[in-house]
Protein backbone atom coordinates (compact mmCIF):
# COMPACT_ATOMS: atom_id res chain seq x y z
CA MET A 1 18.61 6.19 -9.29
CA TYR A 2 21.17 8.73 -8.15
CA THR A 3 22.98 11.91 -9.16
CA VAL A 4 26.45 13.19 -8.35
CA ASP A 5 27.19 16.93 -8.25
CA GLU A 6 30.51 18.62 -9.11
CA THR A 7 31.86 18.21 -5.54
CA GLY A 8 31.26 14.45 -5.60
CA VAL A 9 28.22 14.47 -3.30
CA MET A 10 25.82 11.68 -4.22
CA ASN A 11 22.02 12.09 -3.95
CA ASN A 12 19.95 8.88 -3.88
CA TYR A 13 16.33 8.87 -5.02
CA ALA A 14 13.80 6.17 -4.24
CA VAL A 15 12.25 4.30 -7.15
CA GLU A 16 8.48 4.68 -6.91
CA PRO A 17 6.35 1.58 -7.59
CA ALA A 18 3.71 1.62 -10.29
CA MET A 19 0.27 2.72 -9.07
CA TYR A 20 -2.92 0.73 -9.60
CA PHE A 21 -6.57 1.00 -8.62
CA ALA A 22 -7.95 -1.29 -5.95
CA SER A 23 -10.84 -3.55 -6.88
CA TYR A 24 -14.13 -3.43 -4.97
CA PRO A 25 -14.59 -6.39 -2.60
CA THR A 26 -16.90 -9.16 -3.74
CA VAL A 27 -20.12 -9.99 -1.90
CA ASP A 28 -18.41 -12.98 -0.26
CA GLN A 29 -15.57 -10.77 1.00
CA GLN A 30 -18.05 -8.17 2.29
CA GLN A 31 -19.88 -10.86 4.28
CA ARG A 32 -16.60 -12.03 5.82
CA TYR A 33 -15.80 -8.43 6.83
CA VAL A 34 -19.18 -8.17 8.56
CA LEU A 35 -18.53 -11.46 10.40
CA GLN A 36 -15.07 -10.29 11.49
CA ALA A 37 -16.50 -7.00 12.74
CA ALA A 38 -19.18 -8.82 14.75
CA ILE A 39 -16.58 -11.09 16.35
CA ALA A 40 -14.35 -8.08 17.13
CA LEU A 41 -17.27 -6.30 18.81
CA CYS A 42 -17.91 -9.35 21.00
CA LEU A 43 -14.32 -9.39 22.17
């Protein structure tokens, strides 16, 4: 998307992506996050 003023200067505008809500992680994903955190602490 862009506009051009009377002197010929062009202004470009970024196209914003559609927004959406994130879904809550499942129990299986939560357990994997805990395992990853434990491994990271050991390192």
